[in-house]
Amino acid sequence: AELIDNPTAGPVLRDYYTRLFNGWRATGNTTPRDSSARADYEIIPGPGGLQSVVVHETFEPFGIQANNAYRSFLFDMNSGRRLYLPDLFRPGVNANQAVSTAAAPILPPVLDAAAPPHAPGTYPFTVEEFQPDGDGPGYSGNYRAFALTGDALRLYMPDQPMSRESPSPRDRFSWSMDGGAVVANVPLAALAGQLKPEYEGI
């Protein structure tokens, strides 16, 4: 509510919520199965006048496991515009590559702790599966869902439910992954020199 009438964030959020609720209504009108849906949000202040809004969407058809998704919006309240991940980085820096490199050392314990319980370091909870590469985004979701806190780049992976049609190695089961199965905080210090100065945090 505190951002819906803001000239920077308001038009973007109003459009998003309108499309979200209209989509849910359309689904509810055409499916024979009862369902429920909700959207919880968190507002996260970041460095340099940045404000992240992270929406957790949950859609639950009756009798079936709920589907979760995370939608993120980043606003520079000083300049009055919406930012995307590449906008945080200096010219010439590949944002996905920079984040992948910085995330690699902190991901193993986060992946080991992710549900469902599993042996540490086992497929698909490996660093390689949660980083984009030449074969696609993997379970990283191409870092579409993220927030900037005062000292970290928070990643919600994947951003929405997804499956892996080509599991690696080939003899493993093909997994699906719910949105937000892994939430990782990459220290901004690990991205020092690559972020624009105003976004490097404290």
N, C-alpha and C. Protein backbone atom coordinates (compact mmCIF):
# COMPACT_ATOMS: atom_id res chain seq x y z
N ALA A 1 0.83 -1.20 0.00
CA ALA A 1 0.00 0.00 0.00
C ALA A 1 0.86 1.25 0.00
N GLU A 2 2.01 1.20 0.69
CA GLU A 2 2.85 2.40 0.78
C GLU A 2 3.54 2.74 -0.54
N LEU A 3 3.54 1.80 -1.50
CA LEU A 3 4.19 2.06 -2.78
C LEU A 3 3.21 2.15 -3.94
N ILE A 4 1.97 1.77 -3.73
CA ILE A 4 1.04 1.65 -4.85
C ILE A 4 0.71 3.00 -5.46
N ASP A 5 0.82 4.08 -4.69
CA ASP A 5 0.56 5.42 -5.22
C ASP A 5 1.85 6.19 -5.48
N ASN A 6 2.98 5.52 -5.30
CA ASN A 6 4.26 6.17 -5.57
C ASN A 6 4.44 6.32 -7.08
N PRO A 7 4.89 7.48 -7.56
CA PRO A 7 5.00 7.68 -9.02
C PRO A 7 6.03 6.77 -9.69
N THR A 8 7.01 6.29 -8.92
CA THR A 8 8.02 5.39 -9.49
C THR A 8 7.53 3.95 -9.49
N ALA A 9 7.11 3.46 -8.33
CA ALA A 9 6.76 2.05 -8.17
C ALA A 9 5.30 1.77 -8.51
N GLY A 10 4.42 2.72 -8.29
CA GLY A 10 2.99 2.48 -8.42
C GLY A 10 2.53 1.92 -9.75
N PRO A 11 2.87 2.56 -10.88
CA PRO A 11 2.38 2.03 -12.16
C PRO A 11 2.85 0.61 -12.45
N VAL A 12 4.08 0.28 -12.08
CA VAL A 12 4.61 -1.07 -12.32
C VAL A 12 3.86 -2.08 -11.46
N LEU A 13 3.68 -1.77 -10.18
CA LEU A 13 3.04 -2.71 -9.27
C LEU A 13 1.55 -2.87 -9.58
N ARG A 14 0.89 -1.77 -9.92
CA ARG A 14 -0.52 -1.87 -10.29
C ARG A 14 -0.71 -2.78 -11.50
N ASP A 15 0.13 -2.61 -12.51
CA ASP A 15 0.03 -3.45 -13.70
C ASP A 15 0.28 -4.92 -13.36
N TYR A 16 1.30 -5.18 -12.53
CA TYR A 16 1.62 -6.56 -12.15
C TYR A 16 0.45 -7.20 -11.40
N TYR A 17 -0.07 -6.52 -10.38
CA TYR A 17 -1.15 -7.12 -9.58
C TYR A 17 -2.42 -7.30 -10.41
N THR A 18 -2.71 -6.36 -11.30
CA THR A 18 -3.89 -6.49 -12.15
C THR A 18 -3.79 -7.74 -13.02
N ARG A 19 -2.62 -7.95 -13.65
CA ARG A 19 -2.43 -9.13 -14.49
C ARG A 19 -2.45 -10.41 -13.67
N LEU A 20 -1.85 -10.38 -12.48
CA LEU A 20 -1.82 -11.56 -11.61
C LEU A 20 -3.24 -11.97 -11.22
N PHE A 21 -4.02 -11.04 -10.71
CA PHE A 21 -5.36 -11.38 -10.22
C PHE A 21 -6.29 -11.75 -11.37
N ASN A 22 -6.16 -11.07 -12.51
CA ASN A 22 -6.98 -11.45 -13.65
C ASN A 22 -6.64 -12.86 -14.13
N GLY A 23 -5.36 -13.21 -14.07
CA GLY A 23 -4.95 -14.57 -14.43
C GLY A 23 -5.53 -15.60 -13.49
N TRP A 24 -5.50 -15.30 -12.20
CA TRP A 24 -6.08 -16.22 -11.22
C TRP A 24 -7.59 -16.36 -11.42
N ARG A 25 -8.26 -15.26 -11.69
CA ARG A 25 -9.71 -15.32 -11.92
C ARG A 25 -10.03 -16.18 -13.15
N ALA A 26 -9.27 -15.98 -14.21
CA ALA A 26 -9.50 -16.77 -15.43
C ALA A 26 -9.29 -18.25 -15.16
N THR A 27 -8.24 -18.57 -14.41
CA THR A 27 -7.99 -19.97 -14.08
C THR A 27 -9.12 -20.53 -13.22
N GLY A 28 -9.56 -19.75 -12.24
CA GLY A 28 -10.63 -20.20 -11.36
C GLY A 28 -11.94 -20.42 -12.08
N ASN A 29 -12.16 -19.64 -13.14
CA ASN A 29 -13.42 -19.76 -13.90
C ASN A 29 -13.42 -20.93 -14.86
N THR A 30 -12.25 -21.48 -15.17
CA THR A 30 -12.18 -22.53 -16.19
C THR A 30 -11.78 -23.89 -15.64
N THR A 31 -11.37 -23.96 -14.39
CA THR A 31 -10.95 -25.25 -13.85
C THR A 31 -12.04 -25.87 -13.00
N PRO A 32 -12.23 -27.17 -13.10
CA PRO A 32 -13.25 -27.84 -12.29
C PRO A 32 -12.80 -28.08 -10.86
N ARG A 33 -11.54 -27.86 -10.59
CA ARG A 33 -10.98 -28.16 -9.26
C ARG A 33 -10.94 -26.89 -8.41
N ASP A 34 -11.38 -26.99 -7.17
CA ASP A 34 -11.26 -25.85 -6.26
C ASP A 34 -9.79 -25.49 -6.08
N SER A 35 -9.53 -24.22 -5.89
CA SER A 35 -8.15 -23.79 -5.70
C SER A 35 -8.12 -22.55 -4.82
N SER A 36 -6.93 -22.24 -4.33
CA SER A 36 -6.74 -21.02 -3.57
C SER A 36 -5.45 -20.35 -4.04
N ALA A 37 -5.38 -19.06 -3.87
CA ALA A 37 -4.20 -18.32 -4.31
C ALA A 37 -3.97 -17.15 -3.36
N ARG A 38 -2.71 -16.81 -3.19
CA ARG A 38 -2.38 -15.63 -2.39
C ARG A 38 -1.06 -15.05 -2.87
N ALA A 39 -0.84 -13.79 -2.52
CA ALA A 39 0.40 -13.11 -2.88
C ALA A 39 0.87 -12.31 -1.67
N ASP A 40 1.94 -12.77 -1.06
CA ASP A 40 2.56 -12.05 0.07
C ASP A 40 3.74 -11.26 -0.46
N TYR A 41 4.05 -10.15 0.18
CA TYR A 41 5.14 -9.33 -0.33
C TYR A 41 6.07 -8.88 0.80
N GLU A 42 7.27 -8.53 0.40
CA GLU A 42 8.26 -7.97 1.32
C GLU A 42 8.92 -6.79 0.64
N ILE A 43 9.07 -5.70 1.37
CA ILE A 43 9.77 -4.52 0.87
C ILE A 43 11.13 -4.47 1.53
N ILE A 44 12.19 -4.42 0.73
CA ILE A 44 13.55 -4.52 1.25
C ILE A 44 14.35 -3.29 0.83
N PRO A 45 14.78 -2.46 1.79
CA PRO A 45 15.60 -1.31 1.42
C PRO A 45 17.02 -1.72 1.08
N GLY A 46 17.59 -1.07 0.09
CA GLY A 46 18.96 -1.37 -0.31
C GLY A 46 19.80 -0.11 -0.36
N PRO A 47 21.02 -0.22 -0.84
CA PRO A 47 21.92 0.93 -0.91
C PRO A 47 21.52 1.91 -2.00
N GLY A 48 21.96 3.14 -1.86
CA GLY A 48 21.78 4.13 -2.92
C GLY A 48 20.35 4.46 -3.26
N GLY A 49 19.45 4.45 -2.28
CA GLY A 49 18.05 4.78 -2.56
C GLY A 49 17.28 3.69 -3.26
N LEU A 50 17.80 2.46 -3.23
CA LEU A 50 17.11 1.35 -3.88
C LEU A 50 16.04 0.76 -2.97
N GLN A 51 14.96 0.30 -3.59
CA GLN A 51 13.88 -0.34 -2.86
C GLN A 51 13.48 -1.59 -3.65
N SER A 52 13.62 -2.76 -3.02
CA SER A 52 13.20 -4.00 -3.66
C SER A 52 11.82 -4.39 -3.15
N VAL A 53 10.99 -4.88 -4.05
CA VAL A 53 9.70 -5.46 -3.68
C VAL A 53 9.71 -6.90 -4.19
N VAL A 54 9.58 -7.85 -3.28
CA VAL A 54 9.57 -9.26 -3.64
C VAL A 54 8.20 -9.83 -3.30
N VAL A 55 7.52 -10.37 -4.31
CA VAL A 55 6.18 -10.93 -4.13
C VAL A 55 6.28 -12.45 -4.21
N HIS A 56 5.75 -13.11 -3.21
CA HIS A 56 5.71 -14.57 -3.16
C HIS A 56 4.30 -15.00 -3.57
N GLU A 57 4.18 -15.55 -4.77
CA GLU A 57 2.90 -16.03 -5.27
C GLU A 57 2.72 -17.51 -4.91
N THR A 58 1.55 -17.84 -4.40
CA THR A 58 1.24 -19.24 -4.10
C THR A 58 -0.11 -19.59 -4.72
N PHE A 59 -0.11 -20.60 -5.56
CA PHE A 59 -1.34 -21.08 -6.18
C PHE A 59 -1.48 -22.56 -5.83
N GLU A 60 -2.61 -22.91 -5.21
CA GLU A 60 -2.78 -24.26 -4.69
C GLU A 60 -4.10 -24.87 -5.14
N PRO A 61 -4.06 -25.69 -6.19
CA PRO A 61 -5.27 -26.45 -6.54
C PRO A 61 -5.57 -27.46 -5.43
N PHE A 62 -6.84 -27.62 -5.11
CA PHE A 62 -7.23 -28.49 -4.01
C PHE A 62 -6.70 -29.90 -4.24
N GLY A 63 -5.99 -30.42 -3.24
CA GLY A 63 -5.50 -31.79 -3.30
C GLY A 63 -4.18 -31.95 -4.01
N ILE A 64 -3.61 -30.86 -4.50
CA ILE A 64 -2.33 -30.92 -5.20
C ILE A 64 -1.35 -29.98 -4.50
N GLN A 65 -0.09 -30.33 -4.51
CA GLN A 65 0.92 -29.50 -3.87
C GLN A 65 0.91 -28.10 -4.47
N ALA A 66 1.05 -27.11 -3.60
CA ALA A 66 1.02 -25.71 -4.04
C ALA A 66 2.20 -25.40 -4.96
N ASN A 67 1.97 -24.50 -5.91
CA ASN A 67 3.04 -23.96 -6.75
C ASN A 67 3.45 -22.60 -6.21
N ASN A 68 4.75 -22.40 -6.06
CA ASN A 68 5.27 -21.14 -5.55
C ASN A 68 6.08 -20.44 -6.63
N ALA A 69 6.01 -19.12 -6.62
CA ALA A 69 6.81 -18.32 -7.55
C ALA A 69 7.20 -17.03 -6.84
N TYR A 70 8.31 -16.46 -7.27
CA TYR A 70 8.78 -15.19 -6.71
C TYR A 70 8.95 -14.19 -7.84
N ARG A 71 8.32 -13.03 -7.69
CA ARG A 71 8.45 -11.95 -8.66
C ARG A 71 9.10 -10.77 -7.93
N SER A 72 10.12 -10.20 -8.54
CA SER A 72 10.83 -9.12 -7.87
C SER A 72 10.82 -7.86 -8.71
N PHE A 73 10.85 -6.75 -8.01
CA PHE A 73 10.88 -5.44 -8.64
C PHE A 73 11.89 -4.59 -7.87
N LEU A 74 12.76 -3.92 -8.60
CA LEU A 74 13.78 -3.09 -7.99
C LEU A 74 13.62 -1.67 -8.51
N PHE A 75 13.48 -0.73 -7.58
CA PHE A 75 13.26 0.67 -7.95
C PHE A 75 14.38 1.53 -7.38
N ASP A 76 14.87 2.44 -8.20
CA ASP A 76 15.79 3.48 -7.74
C ASP A 76 14.93 4.69 -7.43
N MET A 77 14.67 4.89 -6.16
CA MET A 77 13.77 5.95 -5.76
C MET A 77 14.39 7.33 -5.96
N ASN A 78 15.71 7.41 -6.09
CA ASN A 78 16.37 8.70 -6.32
C ASN A 78 16.21 9.15 -7.76
N SER A 79 16.36 8.21 -8.70
CA SER A 79 16.25 8.58 -10.11
C SER A 79 14.85 8.36 -10.67
N GLY A 80 13.98 7.68 -9.89
CA GLY A 80 12.60 7.48 -10.32
C GLY A 80 12.44 6.48 -11.44
N ARG A 81 13.19 5.35 -11.38
CA ARG A 81 13.04 4.36 -12.44
C ARG A 81 13.19 2.95 -11.89
N ARG A 82 12.66 2.00 -12.66
CA ARG A 82 12.81 0.59 -12.32
C ARG A 82 14.14 0.10 -12.87
N LEU A 83 14.82 -0.74 -12.09
CA LEU A 83 16.11 -1.29 -12.51
C LEU A 83 16.00 -2.80 -12.69
N TYR A 84 16.85 -3.32 -13.56
CA TYR A 84 17.00 -4.75 -13.76
C TYR A 84 18.42 -5.13 -13.38
N LEU A 85 18.69 -6.41 -13.24
CA LEU A 85 19.99 -6.84 -12.74
C LEU A 85 21.17 -6.20 -13.50
N PRO A 86 21.18 -6.19 -14.84
CA PRO A 86 22.33 -5.58 -15.53
C PRO A 86 22.53 -4.10 -15.20
N ASP A 87 21.44 -3.40 -14.80
CA ASP A 87 21.56 -1.98 -14.49
C ASP A 87 22.42 -1.70 -13.26
N LEU A 88 22.64 -2.73 -12.42
CA LEU A 88 23.42 -2.55 -11.21
C LEU A 88 24.92 -2.57 -11.47
N PHE A 89 25.31 -3.05 -12.63
CA PHE A 89 26.72 -3.30 -12.90
C PHE A 89 27.33 -2.24 -13.81
N ARG A 90 28.64 -2.11 -13.67
CA ARG A 90 29.38 -1.15 -14.50
C ARG A 90 29.32 -1.57 -15.96
N PRO A 91 29.48 -0.61 -16.88
CA PRO A 91 29.48 -0.94 -18.30
C PRO A 91 30.53 -2.00 -18.63
N GLY A 92 30.16 -2.93 -19.47
CA GLY A 92 31.08 -3.99 -19.88
C GLY A 92 31.07 -5.22 -19.01
N VAL A 93 30.40 -5.17 -17.85
CA VAL A 93 30.34 -6.33 -16.96
C VAL A 93 29.13 -7.17 -17.32
N ASN A 94 29.35 -8.48 -17.53
CA ASN A 94 28.25 -9.41 -17.75
C ASN A 94 27.65 -9.78 -16.39
N ALA A 95 26.43 -9.33 -16.15
CA ALA A 95 25.82 -9.48 -14.83
C ALA A 95 25.70 -10.94 -14.41
N ASN A 96 25.22 -11.80 -15.31
CA ASN A 96 25.05 -13.21 -14.96
C ASN A 96 26.38 -13.87 -14.63
N GLN A 97 27.41 -13.56 -15.40
CA GLN A 97 28.72 -14.15 -15.12
C GLN A 97 29.27 -13.67 -13.79
N ALA A 98 29.12 -12.37 -13.52
CA ALA A 98 29.62 -11.82 -12.26
C ALA A 98 28.92 -12.45 -11.07
N VAL A 99 27.60 -12.59 -11.17
CA VAL A 99 26.84 -13.18 -10.05
C VAL A 99 27.18 -14.66 -9.89
N SER A 100 27.30 -15.40 -11.00
CA SER A 100 27.65 -16.82 -10.93
C SER A 100 28.97 -17.03 -10.20
N THR A 101 29.97 -16.22 -10.55
CA THR A 101 31.29 -16.35 -9.92
C THR A 101 31.23 -16.03 -8.44
N ALA A 102 30.51 -14.97 -8.10
CA ALA A 102 30.42 -14.56 -6.69
C ALA A 102 29.58 -15.52 -5.87
N ALA A 103 28.57 -16.15 -6.50
CA ALA A 103 27.68 -17.05 -5.77
C ALA A 103 28.28 -18.42 -5.53
N ALA A 104 29.20 -18.85 -6.40
CA ALA A 104 29.72 -20.22 -6.33
C ALA A 104 30.25 -20.61 -4.95
N PRO A 105 31.04 -19.77 -4.26
CA PRO A 105 31.57 -20.20 -2.95
C PRO A 105 30.52 -20.29 -1.85
N ILE A 106 29.43 -19.52 -1.97
CA ILE A 106 28.45 -19.51 -0.87
C ILE A 106 27.30 -20.47 -1.10
N LEU A 107 27.17 -21.02 -2.31
CA LEU A 107 26.03 -21.89 -2.61
C LEU A 107 26.07 -23.27 -1.96
N PRO A 108 27.24 -23.96 -1.84
CA PRO A 108 27.19 -25.35 -1.35
C PRO A 108 26.43 -25.55 -0.04
N PRO A 109 26.70 -24.79 1.04
CA PRO A 109 25.94 -25.04 2.27
C PRO A 109 24.46 -24.68 2.14
N VAL A 110 24.14 -23.69 1.31
CA VAL A 110 22.74 -23.32 1.09
C VAL A 110 22.01 -24.44 0.36
N LEU A 111 22.66 -25.01 -0.65
CA LEU A 111 22.05 -26.12 -1.39
C LEU A 111 21.92 -27.37 -0.53
N ASP A 112 22.92 -27.62 0.31
CA ASP A 112 22.87 -28.80 1.18
C ASP A 112 21.69 -28.73 2.15
N ALA A 113 21.32 -27.50 2.55
CA ALA A 113 20.24 -27.31 3.52
C ALA A 113 18.85 -27.24 2.88
N ALA A 114 18.79 -27.18 1.55
CA ALA A 114 17.51 -27.02 0.86
C ALA A 114 16.66 -28.29 0.97
N ALA A 115 15.34 -28.09 0.96
CA ALA A 115 14.41 -29.22 0.97
C ALA A 115 14.22 -29.76 -0.43
N PRO A 116 13.93 -31.07 -0.55
CA PRO A 116 13.80 -32.05 0.52
C PRO A 116 15.15 -32.49 1.03
N PRO A 117 15.18 -33.11 2.22
CA PRO A 117 16.47 -33.57 2.76
C PRO A 117 17.19 -34.48 1.77
N HIS A 118 18.50 -34.26 1.64
CA HIS A 118 19.28 -35.02 0.67
C HIS A 118 20.74 -35.04 1.13
N ALA A 119 21.48 -35.96 0.57
CA ALA A 119 22.90 -36.04 0.89
C ALA A 119 23.62 -34.82 0.33
N PRO A 120 24.55 -34.24 1.08
CA PRO A 120 25.25 -33.04 0.61
C PRO A 120 25.92 -33.25 -0.73
N GLY A 121 25.82 -32.24 -1.57
CA GLY A 121 26.51 -32.26 -2.85
C GLY A 121 25.94 -33.17 -3.90
N THR A 122 24.71 -33.66 -3.69
CA THR A 122 24.14 -34.59 -4.65
C THR A 122 23.21 -33.87 -5.64
N TYR A 123 23.13 -34.46 -6.84
CA TYR A 123 22.27 -33.92 -7.89
C TYR A 123 20.82 -33.93 -7.43
N PRO A 124 20.02 -32.90 -7.71
CA PRO A 124 20.40 -31.73 -8.51
C PRO A 124 20.86 -30.54 -7.69
N PHE A 125 21.13 -30.76 -6.40
CA PHE A 125 21.52 -29.64 -5.53
C PHE A 125 23.02 -29.41 -5.60
N THR A 126 23.47 -29.05 -6.79
CA THR A 126 24.88 -28.75 -7.01
C THR A 126 25.00 -27.34 -7.57
N VAL A 127 26.16 -26.74 -7.39
CA VAL A 127 26.38 -25.37 -7.85
C VAL A 127 26.09 -25.26 -9.34
N GLU A 128 26.53 -26.25 -10.12
CA GLU A 128 26.37 -26.19 -11.57
C GLU A 128 24.89 -26.12 -11.97
N GLU A 129 24.03 -26.83 -11.26
CA GLU A 129 22.61 -26.84 -11.62
C GLU A 129 21.92 -25.52 -11.28
N PHE A 130 22.50 -24.74 -10.38
CA PHE A 130 21.89 -23.48 -9.96
C PHE A 130 22.65 -22.28 -10.51
N GLN A 131 23.30 -22.48 -11.65
CA GLN A 131 23.95 -21.39 -12.35
C GLN A 131 23.61 -21.46 -13.84
N PRO A 132 23.39 -20.30 -14.47
CA PRO A 132 23.15 -20.32 -15.91
C PRO A 132 24.41 -20.68 -16.66
N ASP A 133 24.24 -21.42 -17.75
CA ASP A 133 25.38 -21.78 -18.58
C ASP A 133 24.95 -21.86 -20.03
N GLY A 134 25.78 -22.43 -20.87
CA GLY A 134 25.47 -22.51 -22.30
C GLY A 134 24.24 -23.32 -22.61
N ASP A 135 23.83 -24.21 -21.69
CA ASP A 135 22.66 -25.05 -21.93
C ASP A 135 21.37 -24.41 -21.43
N GLY A 136 21.46 -23.25 -20.84
CA GLY A 136 20.26 -22.59 -20.33
C GLY A 136 20.44 -22.09 -18.91
N PRO A 137 19.35 -21.66 -18.29
CA PRO A 137 19.45 -21.06 -16.97
C PRO A 137 19.61 -22.04 -15.83
N GLY A 138 19.46 -23.37 -16.12
CA GLY A 138 19.44 -24.32 -15.01
C GLY A 138 18.33 -23.94 -14.05
N TYR A 139 18.56 -24.21 -12.77
CA TYR A 139 17.55 -23.83 -11.77
C TYR A 139 17.76 -22.41 -11.26
N SER A 140 18.69 -21.67 -11.84
CA SER A 140 18.93 -20.29 -11.41
C SER A 140 17.80 -19.37 -11.83
N GLY A 141 17.04 -19.78 -12.86
CA GLY A 141 16.02 -18.88 -13.39
C GLY A 141 16.61 -17.64 -14.01
N ASN A 142 17.92 -17.72 -14.37
CA ASN A 142 18.64 -16.55 -14.91
C ASN A 142 18.61 -15.37 -13.94
N TYR A 143 18.51 -15.68 -12.65
CA TYR A 143 18.53 -14.65 -11.61
C TYR A 143 17.44 -13.59 -11.82
N ARG A 144 16.28 -14.02 -12.34
CA ARG A 144 15.20 -13.06 -12.57
C ARG A 144 14.61 -12.55 -11.27
N ALA A 145 14.58 -13.38 -10.23
CA ALA A 145 14.02 -12.96 -8.95
C ALA A 145 15.16 -12.65 -7.98
N PHE A 146 15.29 -11.39 -7.63
CA PHE A 146 16.39 -10.99 -6.75
C PHE A 146 15.99 -9.74 -5.98
N ALA A 147 16.73 -9.46 -4.93
CA ALA A 147 16.56 -8.24 -4.17
C ALA A 147 17.93 -7.75 -3.73
N LEU A 148 18.05 -6.48 -3.51
CA LEU A 148 19.29 -5.91 -3.01
C LEU A 148 19.05 -5.44 -1.58
N THR A 149 19.74 -6.07 -0.63
CA THR A 149 19.68 -5.64 0.76
C THR A 149 20.82 -4.65 0.99
N GLY A 150 21.03 -4.24 2.23
CA GLY A 150 22.11 -3.30 2.50
C GLY A 150 23.47 -3.86 2.20
N ASP A 151 23.62 -5.19 2.28
CA ASP A 151 24.96 -5.76 2.10
C ASP A 151 25.00 -7.01 1.24
N ALA A 152 23.87 -7.37 0.59
CA ALA A 152 23.85 -8.62 -0.18
C ALA A 152 22.91 -8.52 -1.37
N LEU A 153 23.21 -9.34 -2.36
CA LEU A 153 22.30 -9.59 -3.48
C LEU A 153 21.59 -10.89 -3.16
N ARG A 154 20.30 -10.83 -2.90
CA ARG A 154 19.52 -12.01 -2.52
C ARG A 154 18.88 -12.62 -3.76
N LEU A 155 19.14 -13.91 -3.96
CA LEU A 155 18.64 -14.63 -5.13
C LEU A 155 17.57 -15.63 -4.72
N TYR A 156 16.46 -15.65 -5.45
CA TYR A 156 15.38 -16.61 -5.23
C TYR A 156 15.40 -17.54 -6.44
N MET A 157 15.77 -18.81 -6.23
CA MET A 157 16.00 -19.73 -7.36
C MET A 157 15.20 -21.02 -7.23
N PRO A 158 14.60 -21.47 -8.35
CA PRO A 158 14.29 -20.66 -9.52
C PRO A 158 13.20 -19.66 -9.18
N ASP A 159 12.88 -18.77 -10.11
CA ASP A 159 11.86 -17.77 -9.81
C ASP A 159 10.46 -18.36 -9.88
N GLN A 160 10.29 -19.48 -10.60
CA GLN A 160 8.98 -20.12 -10.71
C GLN A 160 9.18 -21.62 -10.89
N PRO A 161 8.14 -22.42 -10.69
CA PRO A 161 8.31 -23.87 -10.84
C PRO A 161 8.84 -24.21 -12.23
N MET A 162 9.80 -25.14 -12.27
CA MET A 162 10.36 -25.52 -13.55
C MET A 162 10.88 -26.94 -13.49
N SER A 163 11.00 -27.54 -14.65
CA SER A 163 11.55 -28.88 -14.74
C SER A 163 12.82 -28.83 -15.56
N ARG A 164 13.62 -29.87 -15.43
CA ARG A 164 14.83 -30.02 -16.24
C ARG A 164 14.58 -31.18 -17.18
N GLU A 165 14.45 -30.88 -18.45
CA GLU A 165 14.15 -31.93 -19.42
C GLU A 165 15.38 -32.78 -19.73
N SER A 166 16.58 -32.22 -19.52
CA SER A 166 17.81 -32.94 -19.83
C SER A 166 18.69 -33.01 -18.59
N PRO A 167 18.37 -33.92 -17.68
CA PRO A 167 19.15 -33.99 -16.44
C PRO A 167 20.60 -34.38 -16.73
N SER A 168 21.47 -33.91 -15.86
CA SER A 168 22.89 -34.24 -16.00
C SER A 168 23.40 -34.71 -14.65
N PRO A 169 24.06 -35.86 -14.56
CA PRO A 169 24.33 -36.81 -15.66
C PRO A 169 23.06 -37.50 -16.14
N ARG A 170 23.16 -38.11 -17.33
CA ARG A 170 21.97 -38.61 -18.02
C ARG A 170 21.29 -39.76 -17.30
N ASP A 171 21.99 -40.45 -16.40
CA ASP A 171 21.38 -41.61 -15.75
C ASP A 171 20.56 -41.22 -14.52
N ARG A 172 20.42 -39.93 -14.25
CA ARG A 172 19.67 -39.48 -13.08
C ARG A 172 18.21 -39.20 -13.44
N PHE A 173 17.37 -39.21 -12.41
CA PHE A 173 15.98 -38.86 -12.62
C PHE A 173 15.88 -37.39 -13.04
N SER A 174 14.89 -37.09 -13.86
CA SER A 174 14.60 -35.70 -14.19
C SER A 174 13.84 -35.08 -13.04
N TRP A 175 14.36 -34.00 -12.51
CA TRP A 175 13.76 -33.33 -11.36
C TRP A 175 12.91 -32.16 -11.81
N SER A 176 11.97 -31.79 -10.97
CA SER A 176 11.31 -30.49 -11.09
C SER A 176 11.68 -29.72 -9.83
N MET A 177 11.58 -28.42 -9.89
CA MET A 177 11.98 -27.58 -8.76
C MET A 177 10.93 -26.49 -8.56
N ASP A 178 10.47 -26.32 -7.33
CA ASP A 178 9.49 -25.29 -7.03
C ASP A 178 10.16 -23.93 -6.99
N GLY A 179 9.40 -22.89 -7.24
CA GLY A 179 9.95 -21.55 -7.17
C GLY A 179 10.43 -21.23 -5.76
N GLY A 180 11.59 -20.60 -5.67
CA GLY A 180 12.15 -20.22 -4.38
C GLY A 180 12.65 -21.37 -3.56
N ALA A 181 12.95 -22.51 -4.21
CA ALA A 181 13.48 -23.66 -3.46
C ALA A 181 14.79 -23.31 -2.77
N VAL A 182 15.55 -22.40 -3.36
CA VAL A 182 16.83 -21.99 -2.79
C VAL A 182 16.87 -20.47 -2.74
N VAL A 183 17.18 -19.93 -1.57
CA VAL A 183 17.37 -18.49 -1.39
C VAL A 183 18.79 -18.28 -0.90
N ALA A 184 19.57 -17.52 -1.67
CA ALA A 184 20.98 -17.33 -1.36
C ALA A 184 21.30 -15.85 -1.29
N ASN A 185 22.11 -15.48 -0.31
CA ASN A 185 22.54 -14.09 -0.14
C ASN A 185 24.00 -13.97 -0.56
N VAL A 186 24.24 -13.33 -1.69
CA VAL A 186 25.60 -13.12 -2.20
C VAL A 186 26.11 -11.79 -1.66
N PRO A 187 27.19 -11.79 -0.87
CA PRO A 187 27.68 -10.52 -0.31
C PRO A 187 28.03 -9.53 -1.41
N LEU A 188 27.62 -8.28 -1.22
CA LEU A 188 27.98 -7.26 -2.19
C LEU A 188 29.49 -7.08 -2.26
N ALA A 189 30.17 -7.40 -1.17
CA ALA A 189 31.63 -7.30 -1.16
C ALA A 189 32.25 -8.22 -2.21
N ALA A 190 31.58 -9.35 -2.49
CA ALA A 190 32.10 -10.28 -3.49
C ALA A 190 31.92 -9.75 -4.91
N LEU A 191 31.13 -8.69 -5.06
CA LEU A 191 30.91 -8.08 -6.37
C LEU A 191 31.59 -6.72 -6.47
N ALA A 192 32.43 -6.41 -5.49
CA ALA A 192 33.10 -5.10 -5.46
C ALA A 192 33.88 -4.86 -6.73
N GLY A 193 33.80 -3.65 -7.23
CA GLY A 193 34.50 -3.29 -8.45
C GLY A 193 33.71 -3.59 -9.70
N GLN A 194 32.66 -4.39 -9.58
CA GLN A 194 31.83 -4.72 -10.74
C GLN A 194 30.48 -4.00 -10.69
N LEU A 195 30.00 -3.74 -9.47
CA LEU A 195 28.78 -2.97 -9.31
C LEU A 195 29.08 -1.49 -9.54
N LYS A 196 28.05 -0.74 -9.96
CA LYS A 196 28.20 0.70 -10.00
C LYS A 196 28.43 1.21 -8.57
N PRO A 197 29.25 2.24 -8.40
CA PRO A 197 29.63 2.69 -7.05
C PRO A 197 28.45 2.95 -6.13
N GLU A 198 27.37 3.52 -6.67
CA GLU A 198 26.23 3.87 -5.82
C GLU A 198 25.48 2.66 -5.30
N TYR A 199 25.77 1.47 -5.84
CA TYR A 199 25.04 0.27 -5.44
C TYR A 199 25.93 -0.73 -4.69
N GLU A 200 27.12 -0.35 -4.33
CA GLU A 200 28.04 -1.29 -3.71
C GLU A 200 27.77 -1.52 -2.23
N GLY A 201 26.86 -0.73 -1.64
CA GLY A 201 26.45 -0.97 -0.26
C GLY A 201 27.47 -0.51 0.75
N ILE A 202 27.35 -1.07 1.96
CA ILE A 202 28.20 -0.63 3.06
C ILE A 202 29.34 -1.62 3.26
